[in-house]
Amino acid sequence: MSVTEEKPEPPDPSLPGTPVPEDPPAGAKKSGWRESVLLVLSGVAVAVLVRLFVLDSFYIPSESMEDTLLINDKVIVNRLSGDLGRGEVVVFKGWDGTTTIKRVIGIGGDHVKCCDAKGRITVNGVPLDEESYLNPQDFPSQQKFDLTVPKGRLWLMGDHRAASEDSRAFMDDRFHGTISTDDVIGRAFARYWPLSRMGTLSVPETFSKVR
């Protein structure tokens, strides 16, 4: 046999002594409205702070990073990227002062060289397998180089080597083409536009072998 819970009948407001619910005071309504406005303003403030100090958006103006990044692709950049590592794609203040995007090949203390007997770039004597990101029409580099990256600086190259003006083009300056880590704006970690090319910009596996 089933049991059904009985519910008490609601009070009849017409009967004497029955309490009648009152409308909330005007002050309470205003307080709720103010709380809603404050919540919206707080959300906007957080979004602005994130935009200014944590995340940023950049579009790709040239072919120097093809096919990883195409002209007019848009990427999200983390400004709080911490220590920069080999293989990361970074946005930085370039050699001529303009905002530039390249891949980190060597960090401070690394010995970068082009090329070994098989035509590969080496970092600390370890050859890089660049097939996963190098433009298929390119060689690792047709320009030779052999240097140790100064501390606090980076050796940077585009993925489309034949169309990239990168560290190789500035080897005659006093820093041998390297860029200061202080000039780095942030690490590009995702491509979000166009939607058909949405994806992350992960560090290629080959860099994990470099010590």
C-alpha atoms as a PDB file:
ATOM      1  CA  MET A   1       0.000   0.000   0.000  1.00  0.00           C
ATOM      2  CA  SER A   2       1.423   3.366  -0.962  1.00  0.00           C
ATOM      3  CA  VAL A   3       1.492   6.345   1.321  1.00  0.00           C
ATOM      4  CA  THR A   4       0.917   9.868   0.019  1.00  0.00           C
ATOM      5  CA  GLU A   5       2.293  12.771   1.997  1.00  0.00           C
ATOM      6  CA  GLU A   6      -0.397  15.161   3.069  1.00  0.00           C
ATOM      7  CA  LYS A   7       0.230  18.834   2.589  1.00  0.00           C
ATOM      8  CA  PRO A   8      -1.319  21.446   4.858  1.00  0.00           C
ATOM      9  CA  GLU A   9      -3.878  23.765   3.354  1.00  0.00           C
ATOM     10  CA  PRO A  10      -2.634  27.329   2.792  1.00  0.00           C
ATOM     11  CA  PRO A  11      -4.011  29.886   5.250  1.00  0.00           C
ATOM     12  CA  ASP A  12      -7.143  31.775   4.257  1.00  0.00           C
ATOM     13  CA  PRO A  13      -6.289  35.497   4.335  1.00  0.00           C
ATOM     14  CA  SER A  14      -9.994  36.333   4.856  1.00  0.00           C
ATOM     15  CA  LEU A  15     -10.013  34.711   8.292  1.00  0.00           C
ATOM     16  CA  PRO A  16      -9.289  36.903  11.323  1.00  0.00           C
ATOM     17  CA  GLY A  17      -5.739  36.652  12.661  1.00  0.00           C
ATOM     18  CA  THR A  18      -4.285  35.282   9.428  1.00  0.00           C
ATOM     19  CA  PRO A  19      -0.969  37.057   8.611  1.00  0.00           C
ATOM     20  CA  VAL A  20      -0.911  38.750   5.203  1.00  0.00           C
ATOM     21  CA  PRO A  21       2.476  38.775   3.381  1.00  0.00           C
ATOM     22  CA  GLU A  22       3.788  42.245   2.799  1.00  0.00           C
ATOM     23  CA  ASP A  23       5.677  43.624  -0.209  1.00  0.00           C
ATOM     24  CA  PRO A  24       9.420  43.950   0.399  1.00  0.00           C
ATOM     25  CA  PRO A  25      10.416  47.443   1.463  1.00  0.00           C
ATOM     26  CA  ALA A  26      11.590  49.845  -1.242  1.00  0.00           C
ATOM     27  CA  GLY A  27      15.081  49.845   0.272  1.00  0.00           C
ATOM     28  CA  ALA A  28      15.423  46.099  -0.268  1.00  0.00           C
ATOM     29  CA  LYS A  29      14.513  46.446  -3.965  1.00  0.00           C
ATOM     30  CA  LYS A  30      17.134  49.168  -4.419  1.00  0.00           C
ATOM     31  CA  SER A  31      19.708  47.072  -2.605  1.00  0.00           C
ATOM     32  CA  GLY A  32      19.111  44.110  -4.938  1.00  0.00           C
ATOM     33  CA  TRP A  33      19.401  46.368  -7.981  1.00  0.00           C
ATOM     34  CA  ARG A  34      22.671  47.810  -6.700  1.00  0.00           C
ATOM     35  CA  GLU A  35      24.080  44.327  -6.090  1.00  0.00           C
ATOM     36  CA  SER A  36      23.254  43.334  -9.682  1.00  0.00           C
ATOM     37  CA  VAL A  37      24.952  46.431 -11.056  1.00  0.00           C
ATOM     38  CA  LEU A  38      28.018  45.829  -8.878  1.00  0.00           C
ATOM     39  CA  LEU A  39      28.251  42.221 -10.084  1.00  0.00           C
ATOM     40  CA  VAL A  40      28.123  43.337 -13.719  1.00  0.00           C
ATOM     41  CA  LEU A  41      30.722  46.063 -13.155  1.00  0.00           C
ATOM     42  CA  SER A  42      32.982  43.620 -11.305  1.00  0.00           C
ATOM     43  CA  GLY A  43      32.777  41.179 -14.221  1.00  0.00           C
ATOM     44  CA  VAL A  44      33.673  43.935 -16.677  1.00  0.00           C
ATOM     45  CA  ALA A  45      36.595  45.043 -14.496  1.00  0.00           C
ATOM     46  CA  VAL A  46      37.955  41.497 -14.273  1.00  0.00           C
ATOM     47  CA  ALA A  47      37.661  41.083 -18.055  1.00  0.00           C
ATOM     48  CA  VAL A  48      39.533  44.356 -18.642  1.00  0.00           C
ATOM     49  CA  LEU A  49      42.289  43.414 -16.199  1.00  0.00           C
ATOM     50  CA  VAL A  50      42.694  39.996 -17.814  1.00  0.00           C
ATOM     51  CA  ARG A  51      42.858  41.666 -21.227  1.00  0.00           C
ATOM     52  CA  LEU A  52      45.443  44.210 -20.073  1.00  0.00           C
ATOM     53  CA  PHE A  53      47.718  42.086 -17.934  1.00  0.00           C
ATOM     54  CA  VAL A  54      47.212  38.394 -18.732  1.00  0.00           C
ATOM     55  CA  LEU A  55      45.813  37.608 -22.172  1.00  0.00           C
ATOM     56  CA  ASP A  56      46.070  39.456 -25.445  1.00  0.00           C
ATOM     57  CA  SER A  57      45.167  38.887 -29.075  1.00  0.00           C
ATOM     58  CA  PHE A  58      47.406  39.337 -32.122  1.00  0.00           C
ATOM     59  CA  TYR A  59      46.882  38.827 -35.825  1.00  0.00           C
ATOM     60  CA  ILE A  60      49.529  37.488 -38.208  1.00  0.00           C
ATOM     61  CA  PRO A  61      50.613  40.091 -40.783  1.00  0.00           C
ATOM     62  CA  SER A  62      53.128  38.086 -42.835  1.00  0.00           C
ATOM     63  CA  GLU A  63      53.995  34.643 -44.175  1.00  0.00           C
ATOM     64  CA  SER A  64      57.081  34.168 -41.987  1.00  0.00           C
ATOM     65  CA  MET A  65      55.405  31.534 -39.753  1.00  0.00           C
ATOM     66  CA  GLU A  66      53.641  29.514 -42.465  1.00  0.00           C
ATOM     67  CA  ASP A  67      52.268  26.882 -42.337  1.00  0.00           C
ATOM     68  CA  THR A  68      51.934  27.049 -38.557  1.00  0.00           C
ATOM     69  CA  LEU A  69      50.378  30.519 -38.814  1.00  0.00           C
ATOM     70  CA  LEU A  70      48.933  32.013 -41.973  1.00  0.00           C
ATOM     71  CA  ILE A  71      48.399  35.656 -42.865  1.00  0.00           C
ATOM     72  CA  ASN A  72      45.417  37.079 -40.898  1.00  0.00           C
ATOM     73  CA  ASP A  73      45.318  34.177 -38.441  1.00  0.00           C
ATOM     74  CA  LYS A  74      44.632  35.387 -34.904  1.00  0.00           C
ATOM     75  CA  VAL A  75      46.345  34.021 -31.808  1.00  0.00           C
ATOM     76  CA  ILE A  76      45.860  34.333 -28.057  1.00  0.00           C
ATOM     77  CA  VAL A  77      48.966  35.384 -26.152  1.00  0.00           C
ATOM     78  CA  ASN A  78      49.662  34.773 -22.481  1.00  0.00           C
ATOM     79  CA  ARG A  79      51.538  37.780 -21.098  1.00  0.00           C
ATOM     80  CA  LEU A  80      52.341  35.934 -17.858  1.00  0.00           C
ATOM     81  CA  SER A  81      54.271  33.213 -19.640  1.00  0.00           C
ATOM     82  CA  GLY A  82      56.992  32.807 -17.002  1.00  0.00           C
ATOM     83  CA  ASP A  83      60.277  31.245 -18.093  1.00  0.00           C
ATOM     84  CA  LEU A  84      60.448  30.951 -21.869  1.00  0.00           C
ATOM     85  CA  GLY A  85      61.361  27.606 -23.354  1.00  0.00           C
ATOM     86  CA  ARG A  86      62.729  26.257 -26.593  1.00  0.00           C
ATOM     87  CA  GLY A  87      60.116  25.586 -29.254  1.00  0.00           C
ATOM     88  CA  GLU A  88      57.574  28.104 -27.965  1.00  0.00           C
ATOM     89  CA  VAL A  89      56.006  30.648 -30.306  1.00  0.00           C
ATOM     90  CA  VAL A  90      56.412  34.136 -28.838  1.00  0.00           C
ATOM     91  CA  VAL A  91      55.324  37.675 -29.631  1.00  0.00           C
ATOM     92  CA  PHE A  92      58.005  40.267 -28.975  1.00  0.00           C
ATOM     93  CA  LYS A  93      59.296  43.717 -29.768  1.00  0.00           C
ATOM     94  CA  GLY A  94      61.371  43.005 -32.849  1.00  0.00           C
ATOM     95  CA  TRP A  95      64.720  44.221 -34.086  1.00  0.00           C
ATOM     96  CA  ASP A  96      63.180  47.302 -35.706  1.00  0.00           C
ATOM     97  CA  GLY A  97      60.784  47.956 -32.812  1.00  0.00           C
ATOM     98  CA  THR A  98      57.696  46.429 -34.421  1.00  0.00           C
ATOM     99  CA  THR A  99      55.654  43.625 -32.864  1.00  0.00           C
ATOM    100  CA  THR A 100      56.909  40.324 -34.258  1.00  0.00           C
ATOM    101  CA  ILE A 101      56.121  36.620 -33.827  1.00  0.00           C
ATOM    102  CA  LYS A 102      58.704  33.805 -34.147  1.00  0.00           C
ATOM    103  CA  ARG A 103      59.645  30.465 -32.636  1.00  0.00           C
ATOM    104  CA  VAL A 104      62.265  30.181 -29.888  1.00  0.00           C
ATOM    105  CA  ILE A 105      65.083  27.925 -31.092  1.00  0.00           C
ATOM    106  CA  GLY A 106      67.694  28.693 -28.429  1.00  0.00           C
ATOM    107  CA  ILE A 107      67.582  30.203 -24.940  1.00  0.00           C
ATOM    108  CA  GLY A 108      70.352  31.786 -22.872  1.00  0.00           C
ATOM    109  CA  GLY A 109      73.430  29.547 -22.696  1.00  0.00           C
ATOM    110  CA  ASP A 110      72.440  27.366 -25.669  1.00  0.00           C
ATOM    111  CA  HIS A 111      74.880  26.637 -28.474  1.00  0.00           C
ATOM    112  CA  VAL A 112      72.917  26.938 -31.731  1.00  0.00           C
ATOM    113  CA  LYS A 113      74.452  25.877 -35.005  1.00  0.00           C
ATOM    114  CA  CYS A 114      73.606  25.394 -38.649  1.00  0.00           C
ATOM    115  CA  CYS A 115      74.091  22.916 -39.804  1.00  0.00           C
ATOM    116  CA  ASP A 116      75.249  19.337 -39.163  1.00  0.00           C
ATOM    117  CA  ALA A 117      76.277  16.856 -41.869  1.00  0.00           C
ATOM    118  CA  LYS A 118      72.594  16.133 -42.590  1.00  0.00           C
ATOM    119  CA  GLY A 119      71.663  19.794 -42.896  1.00  0.00           C
ATOM    120  CA  ARG A 120      69.893  19.977 -39.510  1.00  0.00           C
ATOM    121  CA  ILE A 121      70.043  22.788 -36.975  1.00  0.00           C
ATOM    122  CA  THR A 122      71.553  21.638 -33.687  1.00  0.00           C
ATOM    123  CA  VAL A 123      71.050  22.981 -30.183  1.00  0.00           C
ATOM    124  CA  ASN A 124      73.724  21.966 -27.677  1.00  0.00           C
ATOM    125  CA  GLY A 125      74.800  19.317 -30.170  1.00  0.00           C
ATOM    126  CA  VAL A 126      71.292  17.801 -30.461  1.00  0.00           C
ATOM    127  CA  PRO A 127      69.861  17.860 -34.009  1.00  0.00           C
ATOM    128  CA  LEU A 128      66.329  19.205 -34.349  1.00  0.00           C
ATOM    129  CA  ASP A 129      63.705  17.229 -36.245  1.00  0.00           C
ATOM    130  CA  GLU A 130      61.697  20.165 -37.597  1.00  0.00           C
ATOM    131  CA  GLU A 131      59.320  18.385 -39.958  1.00  0.00           C
ATOM    132  CA  SER A 132      56.311  18.959 -37.679  1.00  0.00           C
ATOM    133  CA  TYR A 133      56.485  22.763 -37.987  1.00  0.00           C
ATOM    134  CA  LEU A 134      58.967  23.730 -40.725  1.00  0.00           C
ATOM    135  CA  ASN A 135      57.372  24.913 -43.960  1.00  0.00           C
ATOM    136  CA  PRO A 136      57.529  21.901 -46.306  1.00  0.00           C
ATOM    137  CA  GLN A 137      59.115  24.030 -49.046  1.00  0.00           C
ATOM    138  CA  ASP A 138      62.036  25.070 -46.835  1.00  0.00           C
ATOM    139  CA  PHE A 139      65.402  23.820 -45.641  1.00  0.00           C
ATOM    140  CA  PRO A 140      66.228  24.326 -41.943  1.00  0.00           C
ATOM    141  CA  SER A 141      68.451  27.232 -43.005  1.00  0.00           C
ATOM    142  CA  GLN A 142      70.461  28.190 -46.050  1.00  0.00           C
ATOM    143  CA  GLN A 143      72.401  30.674 -43.923  1.00  0.00           C
ATOM    144  CA  LYS A 144      75.102  29.294 -41.642  1.00  0.00           C
ATOM    145  CA  PHE A 145      75.431  30.284 -37.997  1.00  0.00           C
ATOM    146  CA  ASP A 146      77.320  29.053 -34.971  1.00  0.00           C
ATOM    147  CA  LEU A 147      76.997  30.896 -31.659  1.00  0.00           C
ATOM    148  CA  THR A 148      76.197  30.627 -27.977  1.00  0.00           C
ATOM    149  CA  VAL A 149      73.080  32.574 -26.977  1.00  0.00           C
ATOM    150  CA  PRO A 150      73.914  35.131 -24.241  1.00  0.00           C
ATOM    151  CA  LYS A 151      72.143  34.812 -20.901  1.00  0.00           C
ATOM    152  CA  GLY A 152      68.762  36.531 -20.814  1.00  0.00           C
ATOM    153  CA  ARG A 153      68.428  36.428 -24.593  1.00  0.00           C
ATOM    154  CA  LEU A 154      66.771  34.255 -27.261  1.00  0.00           C
ATOM    155  CA  TRP A 155      67.609  32.968 -30.733  1.00  0.00           C
ATOM    156  CA  LEU A 156      64.395  33.155 -32.787  1.00  0.00           C
ATOM    157  CA  MET A 157      63.430  31.838 -36.225  1.00  0.00           C
ATOM    158  CA  GLY A 158      60.295  31.760 -38.341  1.00  0.00           C
ATOM    159  CA  ASP A 159      58.793  28.459 -39.455  1.00  0.00           C
ATOM    160  CA  HIS A 160      58.857  29.627 -43.084  1.00  0.00           C
ATOM    161  CA  ARG A 161      62.620  30.074 -43.149  1.00  0.00           C
ATOM    162  CA  ALA A 162      62.877  31.339 -46.729  1.00  0.00           C
ATOM    163  CA  ALA A 163      60.396  34.160 -45.967  1.00  0.00           C
ATOM    164  CA  SER A 164      61.439  35.002 -42.411  1.00  0.00           C
ATOM    165  CA  GLU A 165      63.594  37.918 -41.317  1.00  0.00           C
ATOM    166  CA  ASP A 166      64.703  36.556 -37.966  1.00  0.00           C
ATOM    167  CA  SER A 167      67.830  36.246 -35.797  1.00  0.00           C
ATOM    168  CA  ARG A 168      69.874  35.173 -38.821  1.00  0.00           C
ATOM    169  CA  ALA A 169      69.353  38.550 -40.488  1.00  0.00           C
ATOM    170  CA  PHE A 170      70.840  40.480 -37.564  1.00  0.00           C
ATOM    171  CA  MET A 171      73.908  38.422 -36.689  1.00  0.00           C
ATOM    172  CA  ASP A 172      76.146  41.445 -37.296  1.00  0.00           C
ATOM    173  CA  ASP A 173      74.632  43.477 -34.459  1.00  0.00           C
ATOM    174  CA  ARG A 174      76.231  43.540 -31.014  1.00  0.00           C
ATOM    175  CA  PHE A 175      73.902  40.832 -29.720  1.00  0.00           C
ATOM    176  CA  HIS A 176      74.463  38.563 -32.756  1.00  0.00           C
ATOM    177  CA  GLY A 177      70.789  38.599 -33.710  1.00  0.00           C
ATOM    178  CA  THR A 178      69.430  37.540 -30.329  1.00  0.00           C
ATOM    179  CA  ILE A 179      66.493  39.255 -28.591  1.00  0.00           C
ATOM    180  CA  SER A 180      66.273  40.139 -24.895  1.00  0.00           C
ATOM    181  CA  THR A 181      63.702  38.191 -22.889  1.00  0.00           C
ATOM    182  CA  ASP A 182      62.564  41.605 -21.596  1.00  0.00           C
ATOM    183  CA  ASP A 183      61.331  42.392 -25.117  1.00  0.00           C
ATOM    184  CA  VAL A 184      58.987  39.400 -25.142  1.00  0.00           C
ATOM    185  CA  ILE A 185      55.322  40.401 -24.871  1.00  0.00           C
ATOM    186  CA  GLY A 186      54.074  36.881 -24.279  1.00  0.00           C
ATOM    187  CA  ARG A 187      53.738  33.301 -25.445  1.00  0.00           C
ATOM    188  CA  ALA A 188      51.228  32.500 -28.196  1.00  0.00           C
ATOM    189  CA  PHE A 189      49.464  29.351 -27.043  1.00  0.00           C
ATOM    190  CA  ALA A 190      46.351  29.092 -29.223  1.00  0.00           C
ATOM    191  CA  ARG A 191      45.108  29.993 -32.689  1.00  0.00           C
ATOM    192  CA  TYR A 192      41.436  31.031 -32.508  1.00  0.00           C
ATOM    193  CA  TRP A 193      40.678  32.550 -35.912  1.00  0.00           C
ATOM    194  CA  PRO A 194      39.584  31.492 -38.422  1.00  0.00           C
ATOM    195  CA  LEU A 195      37.427  28.894 -36.677  1.00  0.00           C
ATOM    196  CA  SER A 196      38.447  26.266 -39.232  1.00  0.00           C
ATOM    197  CA  ARG A 197      42.066  26.576 -38.018  1.00  0.00           C
ATOM    198  CA  MET A 198      41.379  26.783 -34.294  1.00  0.00           C
ATOM    199  CA  GLY A 199      43.936  24.864 -32.231  1.00  0.00           C
ATOM    200  CA  THR A 200      46.757  25.026 -29.715  1.00  0.00           C
ATOM    201  CA  LEU A 201      50.372  25.961 -30.428  1.00  0.00           C
ATOM    202  CA  SER A 202      52.186  23.251 -28.535  1.00  0.00           C
ATOM    203  CA  VAL A 203      55.945  22.827 -28.197  1.00  0.00           C
ATOM    204  CA  PRO A 204      57.256  20.292 -30.751  1.00  0.00           C
ATOM    205  CA  GLU A 205      58.512  17.023 -29.238  1.00  0.00           C
ATOM    206  CA  THR A 206      61.997  17.426 -30.714  1.00  0.00           C
ATOM    207  CA  PHE A 207      62.864  20.203 -28.205  1.00  0.00           C
ATOM    208  CA  SER A 208      62.368  17.830 -25.268  1.00  0.00           C
ATOM    209  CA  LYS A 209      65.586  16.065 -26.258  1.00  0.00           C
ATOM    210  CA  VAL A 210      67.722  19.200 -25.866  1.00  0.00           C
ATOM    211  CA  ARG A 211      69.593  19.586 -22.584  1.00  0.00           C
END
